[in-house]
N, C-alpha and C. Protein backbone atom coordinates (compact mmCIF):
# COMPACT_ATOMS: atom_id res chain seq x y z
N UNK A 1 0.83 -1.20 0.00
CA UNK A 1 0.00 0.00 0.00
C UNK A 1 0.87 1.25 0.00
N UNK A 2 1.93 1.22 0.78
CA UNK A 2 2.80 2.39 0.88
C UNK A 2 3.46 2.70 -0.47
N UNK A 3 3.91 1.66 -1.15
CA UNK A 3 4.56 1.86 -2.46
C UNK A 3 3.55 2.40 -3.47
N UNK A 4 2.37 1.85 -3.47
CA UNK A 4 1.33 2.32 -4.39
C UNK A 4 0.99 3.77 -4.10
N UNK A 5 0.85 4.10 -2.84
CA UNK A 5 0.58 5.48 -2.44
C UNK A 5 1.71 6.40 -2.88
N UNK A 6 2.95 5.97 -2.68
CA UNK A 6 4.10 6.78 -3.10
C UNK A 6 4.10 7.01 -4.61
N UNK A 7 3.82 5.95 -5.36
CA UNK A 7 3.80 6.09 -6.82
C UNK A 7 2.73 7.07 -7.27
N UNK A 8 1.54 6.94 -6.70
CA UNK A 8 0.46 7.86 -7.07
C UNK A 8 0.79 9.29 -6.66
N UNK A 9 1.40 9.47 -5.50
CA UNK A 9 1.76 10.81 -5.03
C UNK A 9 2.81 11.43 -5.95
N UNK A 10 3.76 10.64 -6.41
CA UNK A 10 4.79 11.15 -7.32
C UNK A 10 4.15 11.63 -8.62
N UNK A 11 3.24 10.84 -9.17
CA UNK A 11 2.56 11.24 -10.41
C UNK A 11 1.75 12.51 -10.16
N UNK A 12 1.05 12.57 -9.05
CA UNK A 12 0.23 13.74 -8.70
C UNK A 12 1.10 14.99 -8.56
N UNK A 13 2.24 14.84 -7.89
CA UNK A 13 3.14 15.98 -7.67
C UNK A 13 3.73 16.51 -8.97
N UNK A 14 3.83 15.67 -9.96
CA UNK A 14 4.37 16.06 -11.27
C UNK A 14 3.28 16.58 -12.19
N UNK A 15 2.19 17.03 -11.64
CA UNK A 15 1.12 17.60 -12.45
C UNK A 15 0.16 16.57 -13.01
N UNK A 16 0.21 15.35 -12.49
CA UNK A 16 -0.72 14.32 -12.90
C UNK A 16 -0.23 13.42 -14.01
N UNK A 17 1.00 13.66 -14.49
CA UNK A 17 1.53 12.86 -15.59
C UNK A 17 3.05 12.82 -15.50
N UNK A 18 3.64 11.65 -15.78
CA UNK A 18 5.09 11.49 -15.67
C UNK A 18 5.55 10.40 -16.64
N UNK A 19 6.79 10.50 -17.07
CA UNK A 19 7.37 9.44 -17.90
C UNK A 19 7.64 8.22 -17.01
N UNK A 20 7.44 7.02 -17.56
CA UNK A 20 7.64 5.81 -16.75
C UNK A 20 9.03 5.71 -16.12
N UNK A 21 10.07 6.06 -16.86
CA UNK A 21 11.42 5.96 -16.29
C UNK A 21 11.61 6.95 -15.14
N UNK A 22 11.04 8.13 -15.25
CA UNK A 22 11.15 9.10 -14.16
C UNK A 22 10.43 8.59 -12.92
N UNK A 23 9.29 7.96 -13.12
CA UNK A 23 8.56 7.38 -11.99
C UNK A 23 9.37 6.27 -11.35
N UNK A 24 10.00 5.45 -12.16
CA UNK A 24 10.81 4.35 -11.64
C UNK A 24 11.93 4.88 -10.75
N UNK A 25 12.63 5.92 -11.20
CA UNK A 25 13.72 6.49 -10.41
C UNK A 25 13.21 7.19 -9.16
N UNK A 26 12.15 7.97 -9.29
CA UNK A 26 11.61 8.70 -8.14
C UNK A 26 11.07 7.76 -7.06
N UNK A 27 10.47 6.64 -7.49
CA UNK A 27 9.90 5.68 -6.54
C UNK A 27 10.95 4.67 -6.07
N UNK A 28 12.16 4.75 -6.62
CA UNK A 28 13.26 3.87 -6.24
C UNK A 28 12.90 2.40 -6.43
N UNK A 29 12.39 2.08 -7.62
CA UNK A 29 11.98 0.72 -7.94
C UNK A 29 12.82 0.17 -9.09
N UNK A 30 12.97 -1.14 -9.13
CA UNK A 30 13.59 -1.77 -10.28
C UNK A 30 12.56 -1.77 -11.42
N UNK A 31 13.04 -2.06 -12.62
CA UNK A 31 12.14 -2.09 -13.76
C UNK A 31 11.05 -3.14 -13.59
N UNK A 32 11.42 -4.33 -13.13
CA UNK A 32 10.43 -5.39 -12.98
C UNK A 32 9.42 -5.06 -11.87
N UNK A 33 9.88 -4.45 -10.78
CA UNK A 33 8.96 -4.04 -9.71
C UNK A 33 7.97 -3.01 -10.24
N UNK A 34 8.51 -2.02 -10.94
CA UNK A 34 7.64 -0.96 -11.43
C UNK A 34 6.60 -1.51 -12.42
N UNK A 35 7.04 -2.38 -13.31
CA UNK A 35 6.12 -2.96 -14.28
C UNK A 35 4.99 -3.70 -13.57
N UNK A 36 5.33 -4.45 -12.54
CA UNK A 36 4.32 -5.19 -11.79
C UNK A 36 3.31 -4.24 -11.13
N UNK A 37 3.80 -3.19 -10.49
CA UNK A 37 2.92 -2.22 -9.85
C UNK A 37 2.09 -1.46 -10.88
N UNK A 38 2.70 -1.06 -11.98
CA UNK A 38 1.96 -0.33 -13.01
C UNK A 38 0.84 -1.18 -13.58
N UNK A 39 1.14 -2.46 -13.85
CA UNK A 39 0.10 -3.35 -14.37
C UNK A 39 -1.08 -3.42 -13.41
N UNK A 40 -0.79 -3.54 -12.12
CA UNK A 40 -1.86 -3.61 -11.11
C UNK A 40 -2.64 -2.30 -11.05
N UNK A 41 -1.95 -1.18 -11.08
CA UNK A 41 -2.61 0.12 -11.00
C UNK A 41 -3.47 0.40 -12.24
N UNK A 42 -3.02 -0.06 -13.39
CA UNK A 42 -3.79 0.12 -14.62
C UNK A 42 -5.06 -0.74 -14.57
N UNK A 43 -4.92 -1.99 -14.12
CA UNK A 43 -6.09 -2.88 -14.02
C UNK A 43 -7.12 -2.30 -13.06
N UNK A 44 -6.65 -1.67 -11.98
CA UNK A 44 -7.56 -1.09 -10.99
C UNK A 44 -8.00 0.32 -11.37
N UNK A 45 -7.59 0.79 -12.54
CA UNK A 45 -7.96 2.12 -13.08
C UNK A 45 -7.50 3.28 -12.21
N UNK A 46 -6.40 3.10 -11.47
CA UNK A 46 -5.87 4.20 -10.66
C UNK A 46 -4.92 5.07 -11.48
N UNK A 47 -4.36 4.51 -12.52
CA UNK A 47 -3.54 5.25 -13.47
C UNK A 47 -3.90 4.78 -14.88
N UNK A 48 -3.43 5.54 -15.85
CA UNK A 48 -3.59 5.11 -17.24
C UNK A 48 -2.31 5.45 -17.98
N UNK A 49 -2.04 4.68 -19.01
CA UNK A 49 -0.87 4.91 -19.83
C UNK A 49 -1.31 5.70 -21.05
N UNK A 50 -0.61 6.79 -21.32
CA UNK A 50 -0.93 7.65 -22.45
C UNK A 50 0.23 7.64 -23.43
N UNK A 51 -0.07 7.54 -24.69
CA UNK A 51 0.96 7.61 -25.73
C UNK A 51 0.94 9.02 -26.33
N UNK A 52 2.11 9.64 -26.36
CA UNK A 52 2.25 10.96 -26.96
C UNK A 52 3.28 10.87 -28.07
N UNK A 53 3.47 11.96 -28.78
CA UNK A 53 4.48 11.96 -29.83
C UNK A 53 5.90 11.93 -29.25
N UNK A 54 6.04 12.18 -27.96
CA UNK A 54 7.34 12.14 -27.29
C UNK A 54 7.53 10.84 -26.50
N UNK A 55 6.63 9.88 -26.64
CA UNK A 55 6.73 8.62 -25.91
C UNK A 55 5.56 8.43 -24.97
N UNK A 56 5.66 7.42 -24.14
CA UNK A 56 4.55 7.13 -23.24
C UNK A 56 4.69 7.88 -21.93
N UNK A 57 3.55 8.10 -21.30
CA UNK A 57 3.49 8.77 -19.99
C UNK A 57 2.48 8.03 -19.14
N UNK A 58 2.65 8.14 -17.85
CA UNK A 58 1.74 7.58 -16.87
C UNK A 58 0.94 8.74 -16.29
N UNK A 59 -0.38 8.61 -16.30
CA UNK A 59 -1.25 9.68 -15.77
C UNK A 59 -2.15 9.11 -14.68
N UNK A 60 -2.33 9.90 -13.64
CA UNK A 60 -3.22 9.50 -12.55
C UNK A 60 -4.66 9.77 -12.99
N UNK A 61 -5.57 8.90 -12.61
CA UNK A 61 -6.99 9.05 -12.95
C UNK A 61 -7.73 9.62 -11.75
N UNK A 62 -8.99 9.95 -11.95
CA UNK A 62 -9.80 10.43 -10.83
C UNK A 62 -9.88 9.37 -9.72
N UNK A 63 -10.13 8.09 -10.04
CA UNK A 63 -10.11 7.10 -8.95
C UNK A 63 -8.74 7.03 -8.26
N UNK A 64 -7.67 7.27 -9.00
CA UNK A 64 -6.34 7.30 -8.39
C UNK A 64 -6.18 8.46 -7.42
N UNK A 65 -6.68 9.62 -7.81
CA UNK A 65 -6.63 10.79 -6.91
C UNK A 65 -7.51 10.56 -5.69
N UNK A 66 -8.67 9.95 -5.90
CA UNK A 66 -9.56 9.63 -4.77
C UNK A 66 -8.89 8.65 -3.82
N UNK A 67 -8.25 7.62 -4.36
CA UNK A 67 -7.53 6.65 -3.53
C UNK A 67 -6.46 7.35 -2.71
N UNK A 68 -5.68 8.20 -3.36
CA UNK A 68 -4.60 8.91 -2.68
C UNK A 68 -5.15 9.78 -1.55
N UNK A 69 -6.24 10.46 -1.79
CA UNK A 69 -6.86 11.30 -0.77
C UNK A 69 -7.34 10.46 0.41
N UNK A 70 -8.05 9.38 0.13
CA UNK A 70 -8.57 8.53 1.20
C UNK A 70 -7.44 7.84 1.96
N UNK A 71 -6.40 7.43 1.26
CA UNK A 71 -5.26 6.79 1.93
C UNK A 71 -4.57 7.77 2.87
N UNK A 72 -4.42 9.02 2.43
CA UNK A 72 -3.78 10.02 3.30
C UNK A 72 -4.66 10.31 4.52
N UNK A 73 -5.98 10.31 4.35
CA UNK A 73 -6.89 10.48 5.50
C UNK A 73 -6.74 9.33 6.48
N UNK A 74 -6.62 8.11 5.95
CA UNK A 74 -6.46 6.94 6.81
C UNK A 74 -5.15 7.02 7.59
N UNK A 75 -4.08 7.46 6.94
CA UNK A 75 -2.79 7.60 7.61
C UNK A 75 -2.87 8.65 8.72
N UNK A 76 -3.57 9.75 8.47
CA UNK A 76 -3.75 10.78 9.50
C UNK A 76 -4.53 10.22 10.69
N UNK A 77 -5.56 9.44 10.40
CA UNK A 77 -6.35 8.80 11.46
C UNK A 77 -5.46 7.91 12.31
N UNK A 78 -4.61 7.12 11.66
CA UNK A 78 -3.69 6.24 12.39
C UNK A 78 -2.76 7.04 13.29
N UNK A 79 -2.23 8.13 12.78
CA UNK A 79 -1.32 8.98 13.56
C UNK A 79 -2.05 9.60 14.75
N UNK A 80 -3.27 10.04 14.52
CA UNK A 80 -4.04 10.69 15.58
C UNK A 80 -4.23 9.77 16.78
N UNK A 81 -4.49 8.49 16.50
CA UNK A 81 -4.76 7.55 17.56
C UNK A 81 -3.57 6.66 17.88
N UNK A 82 -2.42 6.97 17.32
CA UNK A 82 -1.20 6.23 17.64
C UNK A 82 -1.22 4.79 17.18
N UNK A 83 -1.90 4.50 16.10
CA UNK A 83 -1.97 3.13 15.60
C UNK A 83 -0.83 2.80 14.65
């Protein structure tokens, strides 16, 4: 969950779209790890892959932004109650 949250936050911080290699470096993941996570996030519609004339990019979707918001609320709740 933490890795998924980090990946979504990185994409969000970059204006909602990022090159896959930049995401891999920012999230500190190997290529195979990132591919596995990206496949899962795409299946769950939290991100989408976009093809541009400059190559592919990863974009966060509305469900991805909603997940990130709810996950951050849950983390705050845990901190509040020391869980």
